[in-house]
């Protein structure tokens, strides 16, 4: 499962939490998923809103690995862009 923040920077959060609350990734929802299911989030995560702390830090979460891999991918893109600018 993949989730994102319910309210982006600069947006008003009024009413959005109420509308999105049924879509929160929590233990109950994970109980309905395949036991091999994983959880991803592009961060920053708001614990207790779009995802519970229990799931964010739980065994099915690959969120921190995802963040680390994104960092390496971003470095690779920058490397290619800098190399292209040198030519």
C-alpha atoms as a PDB file:
ATOM      1  CA  UNK A   1       0.000   0.000   0.000  1.00  0.00           C
ATOM      2  CA  UNK A   2       1.162   3.512  -0.742  1.00  0.00           C
ATOM      3  CA  UNK A   3       0.017   6.668   0.973  1.00  0.00           C
ATOM      4  CA  UNK A   4       0.950  10.325   1.051  1.00  0.00           C
ATOM      5  CA  UNK A   5       0.164  13.264   3.298  1.00  0.00           C
ATOM      6  CA  UNK A   6      -3.429  14.376   3.301  1.00  0.00           C
ATOM      7  CA  UNK A   7      -2.503  18.049   3.311  1.00  0.00           C
ATOM      8  CA  UNK A   8       0.413  19.405   1.293  1.00  0.00           C
ATOM      9  CA  UNK A   9       2.466  22.418   2.353  1.00  0.00           C
ATOM     10  CA  UNK A  10       0.527  25.618   1.975  1.00  0.00           C
ATOM     11  CA  UNK A  11      -2.849  23.885   1.781  1.00  0.00           C
ATOM     12  CA  UNK A  12      -5.605  24.292   4.322  1.00  0.00           C
ATOM     13  CA  UNK A  13      -6.312  21.044   6.146  1.00  0.00           C
ATOM     14  CA  UNK A  14      -9.828  21.986   7.160  1.00  0.00           C
ATOM     15  CA  UNK A  15     -12.203  19.171   6.362  1.00  0.00           C
ATOM     16  CA  UNK A  16      -9.618  17.018   4.601  1.00  0.00           C
ATOM     17  CA  UNK A  17      -8.900  14.898   7.671  1.00  0.00           C
ATOM     18  CA  UNK A  18     -12.577  14.103   8.060  1.00  0.00           C
ATOM     19  CA  UNK A  19     -12.921  13.157   4.405  1.00  0.00           C
ATOM     20  CA  UNK A  20      -9.766  11.024   4.302  1.00  0.00           C
ATOM     21  CA  UNK A  21     -10.021   9.405   7.766  1.00  0.00           C
ATOM     22  CA  UNK A  22     -11.629   6.200   6.355  1.00  0.00           C
ATOM     23  CA  UNK A  23      -8.528   5.765   4.157  1.00  0.00           C
ATOM     24  CA  UNK A  24      -6.002   5.828   7.004  1.00  0.00           C
ATOM     25  CA  UNK A  25      -3.501   2.982   6.846  1.00  0.00           C
ATOM     26  CA  UNK A  26      -3.816   1.317  10.229  1.00  0.00           C
ATOM     27  CA  UNK A  27      -3.619  -2.123  11.832  1.00  0.00           C
ATOM     28  CA  UNK A  28      -7.235  -2.912  10.894  1.00  0.00           C
ATOM     29  CA  UNK A  29      -6.625  -2.158   7.210  1.00  0.00           C
ATOM     30  CA  UNK A  30      -3.349  -4.082   7.218  1.00  0.00           C
ATOM     31  CA  UNK A  31      -5.244  -7.035   8.682  1.00  0.00           C
ATOM     32  CA  UNK A  32      -7.286  -7.141   5.464  1.00  0.00           C
ATOM     33  CA  UNK A  33      -4.196  -7.120   3.252  1.00  0.00           C
ATOM     34  CA  UNK A  34      -2.133 -10.066   2.118  1.00  0.00           C
ATOM     35  CA  UNK A  35       0.352 -10.940   4.877  1.00  0.00           C
ATOM     36  CA  UNK A  36       3.159 -10.230   2.390  1.00  0.00           C
ATOM     37  CA  UNK A  37       1.834  -6.719   1.682  1.00  0.00           C
ATOM     38  CA  UNK A  38       4.199  -3.818   2.266  1.00  0.00           C
ATOM     39  CA  UNK A  39       3.539  -0.194   3.149  1.00  0.00           C
ATOM     40  CA  UNK A  40       5.186   2.775   1.457  1.00  0.00           C
ATOM     41  CA  UNK A  41       4.979   6.524   2.127  1.00  0.00           C
ATOM     42  CA  UNK A  42       6.877   9.276   0.326  1.00  0.00           C
ATOM     43  CA  UNK A  43       7.326  11.221   3.597  1.00  0.00           C
ATOM     44  CA  UNK A  44       6.962  13.344   5.577  1.00  0.00           C
ATOM     45  CA  UNK A  45       4.396  11.249   7.410  1.00  0.00           C
ATOM     46  CA  UNK A  46       2.007  12.598   9.999  1.00  0.00           C
ATOM     47  CA  UNK A  47       1.686   9.837  12.575  1.00  0.00           C
ATOM     48  CA  UNK A  48      -1.894   9.156  13.494  1.00  0.00           C
ATOM     49  CA  UNK A  49      -3.277  10.881  10.427  1.00  0.00           C
ATOM     50  CA  UNK A  50      -2.699   9.158   7.062  1.00  0.00           C
ATOM     51  CA  UNK A  51      -0.840   6.296   8.761  1.00  0.00           C
ATOM     52  CA  UNK A  52      -0.617   5.106  12.340  1.00  0.00           C
ATOM     53  CA  UNK A  53       2.735   4.988  14.129  1.00  0.00           C
ATOM     54  CA  UNK A  54       2.184   1.266  14.641  1.00  0.00           C
ATOM     55  CA  UNK A  55       2.116   0.635  10.879  1.00  0.00           C
ATOM     56  CA  UNK A  56       4.746   3.259  10.021  1.00  0.00           C
ATOM     57  CA  UNK A  57       7.258   1.530  12.284  1.00  0.00           C
ATOM     58  CA  UNK A  58       5.864  -1.981  11.843  1.00  0.00           C
ATOM     59  CA  UNK A  59       7.294  -5.059  10.138  1.00  0.00           C
ATOM     60  CA  UNK A  60       5.407  -4.476   6.858  1.00  0.00           C
ATOM     61  CA  UNK A  61       6.739  -0.939   6.481  1.00  0.00           C
ATOM     62  CA  UNK A  62       9.492  -0.337   3.928  1.00  0.00           C
ATOM     63  CA  UNK A  63       9.162   3.421   4.324  1.00  0.00           C
ATOM     64  CA  UNK A  64      12.667   4.047   5.667  1.00  0.00           C
ATOM     65  CA  UNK A  65      14.250   1.835   2.985  1.00  0.00           C
ATOM     66  CA  UNK A  66      12.177   3.691   0.394  1.00  0.00           C
ATOM     67  CA  UNK A  67      13.499   7.036   1.676  1.00  0.00           C
ATOM     68  CA  UNK A  68      17.095   5.805   1.598  1.00  0.00           C
ATOM     69  CA  UNK A  69      16.730   4.446  -1.938  1.00  0.00           C
ATOM     70  CA  UNK A  70      15.129   7.704  -3.084  1.00  0.00           C
ATOM     71  CA  UNK A  71      18.170   9.581  -1.770  1.00  0.00           C
ATOM     72  CA  UNK A  72      20.547   7.423  -3.816  1.00  0.00           C
ATOM     73  CA  UNK A  73      18.369   7.812  -6.919  1.00  0.00           C
ATOM     74  CA  UNK A  74      18.344  11.592  -6.474  1.00  0.00           C
ATOM     75  CA  UNK A  75      22.139  11.629  -6.173  1.00  0.00           C
ATOM     76  CA  UNK A  76      22.425   9.598  -9.383  1.00  0.00           C
ATOM     77  CA  UNK A  77      20.160  12.019 -11.257  1.00  0.00           C
ATOM     78  CA  UNK A  78      22.207  14.976 -10.018  1.00  0.00           C
ATOM     79  CA  UNK A  79      25.411  13.243 -11.088  1.00  0.00           C
ATOM     80  CA  UNK A  80      24.077  12.706 -14.610  1.00  0.00           C
ATOM     81  CA  UNK A  81      22.865  16.308 -14.848  1.00  0.00           C
ATOM     82  CA  UNK A  82      26.167  17.733 -13.634  1.00  0.00           C
ATOM     83  CA  UNK A  83      28.116  15.502 -16.036  1.00  0.00           C
ATOM     84  CA  UNK A  84      25.867  16.580 -18.920  1.00  0.00           C
ATOM     85  CA  UNK A  85      26.393  20.245 -18.023  1.00  0.00           C
ATOM     86  CA  UNK A  86      30.176  19.770 -18.236  1.00  0.00           C
ATOM     87  CA  UNK A  87      29.992  18.696 -21.897  1.00  0.00           C
END
